[in-house]
Structures are given as structure tokens and as C-alpha cells.
Protein backbone atom coordinates (compact mmCIF):
# COMPACT_ATOMS: atom_id res chain seq x y z
CA UNK A 1 0.00 0.00 0.00
CA UNK A 2 1.39 3.40 -0.98
CA UNK A 3 1.94 6.26 1.45
CA UNK A 4 -1.05 8.10 -0.05
CA UNK A 5 -3.31 5.05 0.34
CA UNK A 6 -2.27 4.62 3.98
CA UNK A 7 -2.91 8.28 4.64
CA UNK A 8 -6.35 8.25 3.04
CA UNK A 9 -7.24 4.98 4.80
CA UNK A 10 -6.19 6.23 8.24
CA UNK A 11 -8.08 9.49 7.83
CA UNK A 12 -11.23 7.73 6.61
CA UNK A 13 -11.24 5.15 9.40
CA UNK A 14 -11.08 7.90 12.04
CA UNK A 15 -14.08 9.64 10.51
CA UNK A 16 -15.93 6.30 10.12
CA UNK A 17 -15.52 5.45 13.80
CA UNK A 18 -16.72 8.90 14.84
CA UNK A 19 -19.78 8.75 12.56
CA UNK A 20 -20.57 5.19 13.71
CA UNK A 21 -20.55 6.16 17.36
CA UNK A 22 -22.79 9.16 16.71
CA UNK A 23 -25.17 7.06 14.62
CA UNK A 24 -25.42 4.30 17.23
CA UNK A 25 -26.06 6.80 20.05
CA UNK A 26 -28.80 8.61 18.10
CA UNK A 27 -30.43 5.32 17.03
CA UNK A 28 -30.35 3.84 20.56
CA UNK A 29 -31.70 7.02 22.14
CA UNK A 30 -34.67 7.07 19.78
CA UNK A 31 -35.29 3.37 20.43
CA UNK A 32 -35.02 3.83 24.21
CA UNK A 33 -37.59 6.61 24.25
CA UNK A 34 -39.88 4.59 21.98
CA UNK A 35 -39.79 1.30 23.94
CA UNK A 36 -38.90 2.22 27.51
CA UNK A 37 -42.54 2.36 28.63
CA UNK A 38 -43.11 -1.17 27.32
CA UNK A 39 -40.11 -2.51 29.25
CA UNK A 40 -41.30 -0.81 32.44
CA UNK A 41 -44.84 -2.20 32.03
CA UNK A 42 -43.43 -5.69 31.47
CA UNK A 43 -41.42 -5.37 34.71
CA UNK A 44 -38.14 -6.47 33.12
CA UNK A 45 -34.84 -6.10 34.95
CA UNK A 46 -32.00 -3.82 33.90
CA UNK A 47 -29.96 -6.79 32.66
CA UNK A 48 -32.63 -7.89 30.19
CA UNK A 49 -33.13 -4.35 28.91
CA UNK A 50 -29.37 -3.90 28.41
CA UNK A 51 -29.17 -7.27 26.66
CA UNK A 52 -31.93 -6.18 24.29
CA UNK A 53 -30.24 -2.94 23.31
CA UNK A 54 -26.74 -4.49 23.12
CA UNK A 55 -28.13 -7.19 20.81
CA UNK A 56 -29.45 -4.46 18.51
CA UNK A 57 -26.06 -2.77 18.04
CA UNK A 58 -24.87 -5.16 15.26
CA UNK A 59 -28.21 -4.63 13.49
CA UNK A 60 -27.90 -0.86 13.90
CA UNK A 61 -24.39 -0.93 12.43
CA UNK A 62 -25.63 -2.99 9.48
CA UNK A 63 -28.39 -0.48 8.80
CA UNK A 64 -26.46 2.77 9.17
CA UNK A 65 -23.13 1.72 7.65
CA UNK A 66 -23.90 2.93 4.09
CA UNK A 67 -24.95 6.38 5.34
CA UNK A 68 -21.97 6.48 7.73
CA UNK A 69 -19.60 5.65 4.89
CA UNK A 70 -21.12 8.36 2.71
CA UNK A 71 -20.86 11.10 5.35
CA UNK A 72 -17.33 10.09 6.37
CA UNK A 73 -16.10 10.15 2.77
CA UNK A 74 -17.82 13.46 1.98
CA UNK A 75 -16.26 15.06 5.08
CA UNK A 76 -12.87 13.59 4.20
CA UNK A 77 -12.97 14.92 0.65
CA UNK A 78 -14.15 18.30 1.96
CA UNK A 79 -11.25 18.49 4.38
CA UNK A 80 -8.79 17.55 1.64
CA UNK A 81 -10.27 20.26 -0.58
CA UNK A 82 -10.25 22.94 2.13
CA UNK A 83 -6.64 22.23 3.14
CA UNK A 84 -5.59 22.38 -0.53
CA UNK A 85 -4.31 18.79 -0.32
CA UNK A 86 -6.29 17.79 -3.41
CA UNK A 87 -4.68 20.63 -5.35
CA UNK A 88 -1.25 19.56 -4.13
CA UNK A 89 -1.89 15.97 -5.16
CA UNK A 90 -3.03 16.99 -8.64
CA UNK A 91 -0.01 19.26 -8.99
CA UNK A 92 2.20 16.31 -8.02
CA UNK A 93 0.72 14.16 -10.75
CA UNK A 94 -1.99 12.32 -8.76
CA UNK A 95 -5.05 12.43 -10.99
CA UNK A 96 -8.67 12.63 -9.84
CA UNK A 97 -9.29 9.24 -11.51
CA UNK A 98 -6.58 7.59 -9.38
CA UNK A 99 -8.18 8.96 -6.21
CA UNK A 100 -11.58 7.74 -7.36
CA UNK A 101 -10.29 4.24 -8.13
CA UNK A 102 -8.80 3.96 -4.64
CA UNK A 103 -12.12 4.83 -2.98
CA UNK A 104 -14.08 2.54 -5.33
CA UNK A 105 -11.89 -0.43 -4.38
CA UNK A 106 -12.14 0.67 -0.76
CA UNK A 107 -15.94 0.78 -1.08
CA UNK A 108 -16.04 -2.76 -2.54
CA UNK A 109 -14.03 -4.08 0.43
CA UNK A 110 -16.41 -2.36 2.86
CA UNK A 111 -19.37 -3.83 0.95
CA UNK A 112 -18.03 -7.37 1.38
CA UNK A 113 -17.38 -6.69 5.06
CA UNK A 114 -20.90 -5.30 5.46
CA UNK A 115 -22.41 -8.38 3.80
CA UNK A 116 -20.62 -10.82 6.09
CA UNK A 117 -21.18 -8.77 9.22
CA UNK A 118 -24.88 -8.16 8.59
CA UNK A 119 -25.66 -11.77 7.66
CA UNK A 120 -24.02 -13.18 10.78
CA UNK A 121 -23.81 -10.69 13.64
CA UNK A 122 -26.68 -8.55 12.35
CA UNK A 123 -29.05 -11.51 11.95
CA UNK A 124 -28.06 -13.01 15.32
CA UNK A 125 -28.63 -9.65 17.00
CA UNK A 126 -31.99 -9.24 15.26
CA UNK A 127 -33.13 -12.71 16.31
CA UNK A 128 -32.01 -12.16 19.92
CA UNK A 129 -33.68 -8.76 20.28
CA UNK A 130 -36.85 -10.01 18.54
CA UNK A 131 -37.00 -13.00 20.87
CA UNK A 132 -36.67 -10.80 23.98
CA UNK A 133 -39.33 -8.42 22.68
CA UNK A 134 -41.75 -11.19 21.75
CA UNK A 135 -41.24 -13.54 24.69
CA UNK A 136 -40.61 -11.20 27.60
CA UNK A 137 -42.26 -7.95 26.54
CA UNK A 138 -45.17 -9.21 24.45
CA UNK A 139 -45.38 -12.56 26.26
CA UNK A 140 -45.26 -14.53 23.05
CA UNK A 141 -42.87 -17.40 22.22
CA UNK A 142 -41.66 -17.45 18.65
CA UNK A 143 -40.59 -21.10 18.60
CA UNK A 144 -44.15 -22.24 19.54
CA UNK A 145 -45.85 -20.49 16.67
CA UNK A 146 -48.33 -22.65 14.80
CA UNK A 147 -48.61 -22.73 11.03
CA UNK A 148 -51.96 -23.54 9.45
CA UNK A 149 -53.49 -24.63 6.17
CA UNK A 150 -50.32 -25.32 4.13
CA UNK A 151 -50.25 -26.78 0.62
CA UNK A 152 -46.97 -27.80 -1.06
CA UNK A 153 -45.53 -30.28 -3.52
CA UNK A 154 -42.51 -32.55 -2.97
CA UNK A 155 -41.50 -34.91 -5.75
CA UNK A 156 -44.56 -36.95 -6.68
CA UNK A 157 -46.49 -35.91 -3.57
CA UNK A 158 -48.95 -33.08 -3.09
CA UNK A 159 -49.37 -32.45 0.64
CA UNK A 160 -51.89 -30.45 2.62
CA UNK A 161 -52.14 -30.17 6.40
CA UNK A 162 -54.41 -28.13 8.64
CA UNK A 163 -51.96 -27.14 11.36
CA UNK A 164 -48.53 -27.98 12.75
CA UNK A 165 -46.29 -27.03 15.66
CA UNK A 166 -42.87 -25.78 14.57
CA UNK A 167 -41.14 -26.49 17.89
CA UNK A 168 -42.58 -30.01 18.22
CA UNK A 169 -42.21 -30.81 14.49
CA UNK A 170 -45.61 -32.46 14.38
CA UNK A 171 -49.08 -31.63 13.14
CA UNK A 172 -52.69 -32.69 12.59
CA UNK A 173 -55.08 -33.47 9.74
CA UNK A 174 -52.84 -34.25 6.78
CA UNK A 175 -53.69 -35.46 3.28
CA UNK A 176 -51.09 -36.75 0.83
CA UNK A 177 -51.95 -37.11 -2.86
CA UNK A 178 -49.54 -39.32 -4.82
CA UNK A 179 -49.30 -38.67 -8.55
CA UNK A 180 -49.29 -41.54 -11.02
CA UNK A 181 -46.38 -41.98 -13.42
CA UNK A 182 -48.27 -40.19 -16.19
CA UNK A 183 -48.76 -37.16 -13.90
CA UNK A 184 -52.40 -37.07 -15.01
CA UNK A 185 -54.07 -38.97 -12.17
CA UNK A 186 -53.70 -40.01 -8.56
CA UNK A 187 -52.30 -43.44 -7.73
CA UNK A 188 -53.32 -43.24 -4.07
CA UNK A 189 -54.42 -40.77 -1.39
CA UNK A 190 -53.39 -41.02 2.26
CA UNK A 191 -54.95 -39.16 5.17
CA UNK A 192 -54.08 -39.16 8.86
CA UNK A 193 -55.08 -37.35 12.00
CA UNK A 194 -51.49 -36.87 13.19
CA UNK A 195 -48.05 -36.76 11.64
CA UNK A 196 -44.41 -36.20 12.66
CA UNK A 197 -41.56 -34.57 10.76
CA UNK A 198 -38.16 -36.25 10.97
CA UNK A 199 -34.88 -35.23 9.37
CA UNK A 200 -35.41 -37.20 6.15
CA UNK A 201 -39.05 -38.29 6.21
CA UNK A 202 -42.57 -37.55 7.36
CA UNK A 203 -44.39 -40.20 9.39
CA UNK A 204 -48.20 -40.44 9.19
CA UNK A 205 -49.81 -42.18 12.15
CA UNK A 206 -52.84 -44.45 11.67
CA UNK A 207 -53.03 -43.52 7.98
CA UNK A 208 -55.97 -44.40 5.77
CA UNK A 209 -54.92 -45.14 2.19
CA UNK A 210 -57.34 -44.96 -0.74
CA UNK A 211 -56.54 -46.13 -4.28
CA UNK A 212 -58.96 -44.29 -6.62
CA UNK A 213 -58.20 -46.55 -9.59
CA UNK A 214 -59.26 -49.78 -7.87
CA UNK A 215 -61.60 -48.23 -5.28
CA UNK A 216 -59.72 -50.12 -2.56
CA UNK A 217 -58.69 -48.85 0.86
CA UNK A 218 -56.20 -49.88 3.54
CA UNK A 219 -54.96 -48.72 6.93
CA UNK A 220 -51.34 -48.45 8.12
CA UNK A 221 -50.29 -47.79 11.70
CA UNK A 222 -47.37 -45.78 10.36
CA UNK A 223 -46.76 -44.55 6.83
CA UNK A 224 -43.25 -43.25 6.08
CA UNK A 225 -42.93 -40.73 3.26
CA UNK A 226 -39.51 -39.56 2.05
CA UNK A 227 -40.16 -35.82 2.27
CA UNK A 228 -37.25 -33.57 3.29
CA UNK A 229 -39.17 -30.40 4.12
CA UNK A 230 -38.66 -28.98 7.60
CA UNK A 231 -41.66 -27.16 9.07
CA UNK A 232 -39.47 -24.09 9.73
CA UNK A 233 -39.23 -23.69 5.95
CA UNK A 234 -42.88 -22.64 5.80
CA UNK A 235 -42.49 -19.91 8.45
CA UNK A 236 -40.99 -17.58 5.81
CA UNK A 237 -44.39 -17.56 4.08
CA UNK A 238 -46.22 -16.09 7.07
CA UNK A 239 -47.08 -12.37 6.76
CA UNK A 240 -45.55 -11.52 10.14
CA UNK A 241 -42.19 -13.16 9.39
CA UNK A 242 -39.42 -10.83 8.31
CA UNK A 243 -37.06 -12.47 5.77
CA UNK A 244 -34.28 -10.29 7.23
CA UNK A 245 -34.34 -12.60 10.25
CA UNK A 246 -32.93 -15.39 8.07
CA UNK A 247 -29.25 -15.30 7.06
CA UNK A 248 -28.50 -15.14 3.36
CA UNK A 249 -27.59 -18.83 3.10
CA UNK A 250 -30.65 -20.03 5.09
CA UNK A 251 -32.95 -17.86 3.02
CA UNK A 252 -31.41 -19.29 -0.15
CA UNK A 253 -32.04 -22.86 1.02
CA UNK A 254 -35.61 -21.97 1.99
CA UNK A 255 -36.20 -20.48 -1.48
CA UNK A 256 -34.86 -23.62 -3.20
CA UNK A 257 -37.02 -25.84 -1.02
CA UNK A 258 -40.15 -23.77 -1.60
CA UNK A 259 -39.51 -23.64 -5.36
CA UNK A 260 -39.55 -27.43 -5.44
CA UNK A 261 -42.84 -27.42 -3.55
CA UNK A 262 -44.40 -25.13 -6.16
CA UNK A 263 -44.71 -22.09 -3.86
CA UNK A 264 -44.50 -18.50 -5.06
CA UNK A 265 -41.07 -17.20 -4.00
CA UNK A 266 -40.90 -13.81 -5.77
CA UNK A 267 -41.06 -11.95 -2.46
CA UNK A 268 -38.34 -14.10 -0.92
CA UNK A 269 -36.14 -13.83 -4.02
CA UNK A 270 -36.46 -10.06 -3.81
CA UNK A 271 -35.45 -10.19 -0.13
CA UNK A 272 -32.46 -12.40 -1.03
CA UNK A 273 -31.24 -10.00 -3.73
CA UNK A 274 -31.96 -7.06 -1.41
CA UNK A 275 -29.45 -8.40 1.12
CA UNK A 276 -26.76 -8.24 -1.56
CA UNK A 277 -27.85 -4.89 -2.92
CA UNK A 278 -27.99 -3.26 0.52
CA UNK A 279 -24.48 -4.47 1.34
CA UNK A 280 -23.16 -3.12 -1.96
CA UNK A 281 -24.97 0.17 -1.42
CA UNK A 282 -21.69 1.12 0.31
CA UNK A 283 -20.05 1.06 -3.11
CA UNK A 284 -22.94 3.19 -4.35
CA UNK A 285 -22.34 5.62 -1.48
CA UNK A 286 -18.63 5.79 -2.35
CA UNK A 287 -19.45 6.81 -5.92
CA UNK A 288 -22.09 9.24 -4.70
CA UNK A 289 -19.68 10.86 -2.22
CA UNK A 290 -17.07 11.32 -4.96
CA UNK A 291 -19.68 12.78 -7.32
CA UNK A 292 -20.92 15.25 -4.68
CA UNK A 293 -17.35 16.22 -3.75
CA UNK A 294 -16.50 16.92 -7.39
CA UNK A 295 -18.75 20.01 -7.29
CA UNK A 296 -16.39 21.73 -4.84
CA UNK A 297 -19.13 22.73 -2.38
CA UNK A 298 -18.51 23.61 1.25
CA UNK A 299 -18.41 20.72 3.75
CA UNK A 300 -21.78 21.66 5.27
CA UNK A 301 -23.49 21.98 1.92
CA UNK A 302 -21.92 18.71 0.74
CA UNK A 303 -23.19 16.90 3.85
CA UNK A 304 -26.68 18.31 3.38
CA UNK A 305 -26.71 17.34 -0.29
CA UNK A 306 -25.46 13.84 0.58
CA UNK A 307 -28.13 13.32 3.23
CA UNK A 308 -30.83 14.43 0.78
CA UNK A 309 -29.45 12.05 -1.85
CA UNK A 310 -29.40 9.26 0.77
CA UNK A 311 -33.11 9.72 1.50
CA UNK A 312 -33.85 9.64 -2.23
CA UNK A 313 -31.74 6.47 -2.60
CA UNK A 314 -33.59 4.72 0.22
CA UNK A 315 -36.86 5.78 -1.40
CA UNK A 316 -35.89 4.09 -4.67
CA UNK A 317 -34.59 1.09 -2.67
CA UNK A 318 -37.94 0.63 -0.91
CA UNK A 319 -39.96 1.23 -4.08
CA UNK A 320 -37.85 -1.28 -6.02
CA UNK A 321 -38.22 -3.93 -3.33
CA UNK A 322 -41.97 -3.37 -3.17
CA UNK A 323 -42.26 -3.74 -6.93
CA UNK A 324 -40.15 -6.91 -6.87
CA UNK A 325 -42.18 -8.48 -4.09
CA UNK A 326 -45.40 -7.58 -5.86
CA UNK A 327 -44.27 -9.18 -9.12
CA UNK A 328 -44.32 -5.89 -11.05
CA UNK A 329 -40.65 -6.32 -12.00
CA UNK A 330 -38.23 -9.27 -11.73
CA UNK A 331 -36.81 -9.63 -8.17
CA UNK A 332 -33.23 -8.85 -9.17
CA UNK A 333 -34.28 -5.61 -10.92
CA UNK A 334 -36.46 -4.52 -8.02
CA UNK A 335 -33.74 -5.17 -5.44
CA UNK A 336 -30.98 -3.43 -7.40
CA UNK A 337 -33.01 -0.56 -8.87
CA UNK A 338 -31.82 2.06 -6.36
CA UNK A 339 -28.18 1.04 -6.67
CA UNK A 340 -28.37 0.95 -10.45
CA UNK A 341 -29.81 4.44 -10.83
CA UNK A 342 -27.34 6.06 -8.44
CA UNK A 343 -24.31 4.17 -9.77
CA UNK A 344 -25.08 5.23 -13.33
CA UNK A 345 -25.65 8.85 -12.27
CA UNK A 346 -22.54 9.03 -10.09
CA UNK A 347 -20.29 7.31 -12.64
CA UNK A 348 -21.49 9.67 -15.37
CA UNK A 349 -20.48 12.66 -13.22
CA UNK A 350 -17.10 11.11 -12.33
CA UNK A 351 -16.26 10.26 -15.93
CA UNK A 352 -17.10 13.81 -16.98
CA UNK A 353 -14.98 15.33 -14.19
CA UNK A 354 -12.04 13.02 -14.93
CA UNK A 355 -12.10 13.95 -18.62
CA UNK A 356 -12.06 17.68 -17.74
CA UNK A 357 -9.24 17.37 -15.24
């Protein structure tokens, strides 16, 4: 790493740490004022309350990091401009394009770090804080949630059950329709009052089996079906379940499993792509910061302009995700729409500035 790169890196990291601390404090204060009454009414101890807010810090960092990166870089470029260091660098043969390339590579590295951090520490923190809020504040246990009226397909089976317990991995009132080899008719239909879900199969207890072709029936004490669907897979379909609570890899496996069962996964695919696009919004913020700095505005005006652009970016991000989840556009386009628009706009400005300088 060159002396210039080390200097720019050291200066940026100082500003990043300062902006992170300010962002975390502001976020936590707003959350404390919003939820403190609920904690007091629930009669929770100080330790539980502290655990809740400490668990949210990784999530907070994951959410504010793009904006933090943008502000830190805008301030850094403003300080370099005001101290005439940019002019000195250009006089010494360091082009604007070389500076931009350094920060673009730097933004890509931060994007990868953001992706890994948010999908591990951020998800764990979100799950922990959500569990405390649901179980101890709202007196509701997430692991005992019941799913109801589920239809899905697995291989040659079409399965429907009335309800099931996620924590117990068992349910009631199940019907299994087995397709014939020609896929045009049913070879047999099984129904049972109770069933259990094991790691590699579903077990129907006291199952009644009907063969429509021969009009014959039979009864089995236990009927083993080789179905590899875990009941937790279906929790991502519930309206109250936030896909952000699943890590990227778990969400990907759930999407693959639900695709095989014939379920509509456009919303989940959009959420999967959105995890990538939000992480790489740091790269978008790097390009945006360089584009804003190229106008030579004062630090305060640059920060204000950057914050306004950030709100507009998040608006496009939310709109794109909503369109993707609603099937108005393909999931990948909906998730990356905000990044795409701002990257194209920022790169156009940077290319124009580089050609002039």
C-alpha cells in the first residue's frame, strides 16, 4: 500500500468510527424513548433491557453503515479540498481518476465486510432482540408459533395439512396425494389425524390409504414418506415473518425448497437480492460521495446534499423492493433498482470530471 493510500485509509477510518458512534447513540436514544414504557410495564430487569439494546447494536451498524460511509467520505474529501491537499496531489501528478479508483476499491471491500457482518452478527442480533421483545415484553414465544393450512408439492407428492407445531415438528389433519407416473391422475391418497416430521421423512400415524383406480382402501399404523421439508421452511411464508431474520444462506435454502414445492417465491427472491444490494450500497455511497465532492461545495453543503441524496436512494430502494415483491418487475431488478440508478448517475459525473481534469 502506498503512502497516499495509507494516509487516506487512516483518515477515513477515524471519521468512520466517529460517525458510527454518533449514529449508534442517536439510534439507541430514539429506540429507548420509543420502547422504555413497554419494558417498564413488562417489569423487566436492567440486565434484560441492556441485553436487548446491546443485541441491537450489530443490526444498527448494518443499517447505518452505508450512510456512515457516505458522510465520512464526503467530510474527508471536503477536508482535503479545504486544506488544498487535493490541489497539491493533482499538482504532483496524482489524478482525480486515481483517487476515485482507490475509494471505489475501498468501497467494494467495505461492501463485502458489510455483507458478512450483517448476515451473521446482524441476523443473530436481530433474532435475539426479537426474541426478547416477543417472549418477555409481548409474552409470546416465537418457537411455539403454529402454522396452518399449508399446501406444497414434494416430488410426486402433493401435501396439505391443517396445522402444525414448529417447535414439536408435528401436526394434525394431513392429506397426501400421490401422482401416477403419467402425472395425469392419482395413484393413491393417504390421510391421517397426526403426523411427525423427521430429518429425512414424514411419518403419518394411523393412515388411511385410498386407491382411486381400484376403489380399494387400507390402513397403516405408520406410513413413512420420504419428504425432506422442515416445518421451519414454511415460516418464511407467514405475513408476520421478516425475511431479514434469516441469514442469506438459510434464506437461499428456503427459497430452493419452496420452489420445489411449487410455492410463489418472488417476495423471498427479492429479499435475497436485497441483502446483496444493501451491502453493496456502500459502493454506491462511495461513488455518490465522490460525485458530490467533485462540485467543490462547502463541507456543510456537501453533507446536506449527501443526506438528501441518501433519503432519495432509500426511497428508490424501498420502491424497487416493493415492486419486486409484488411481481411488477423481476426480483433482481427490483432489489438493485436504487443502486443501479445512483451508480449510473454518479459514474457519469465522475467520468465527466475526470475527462475535464
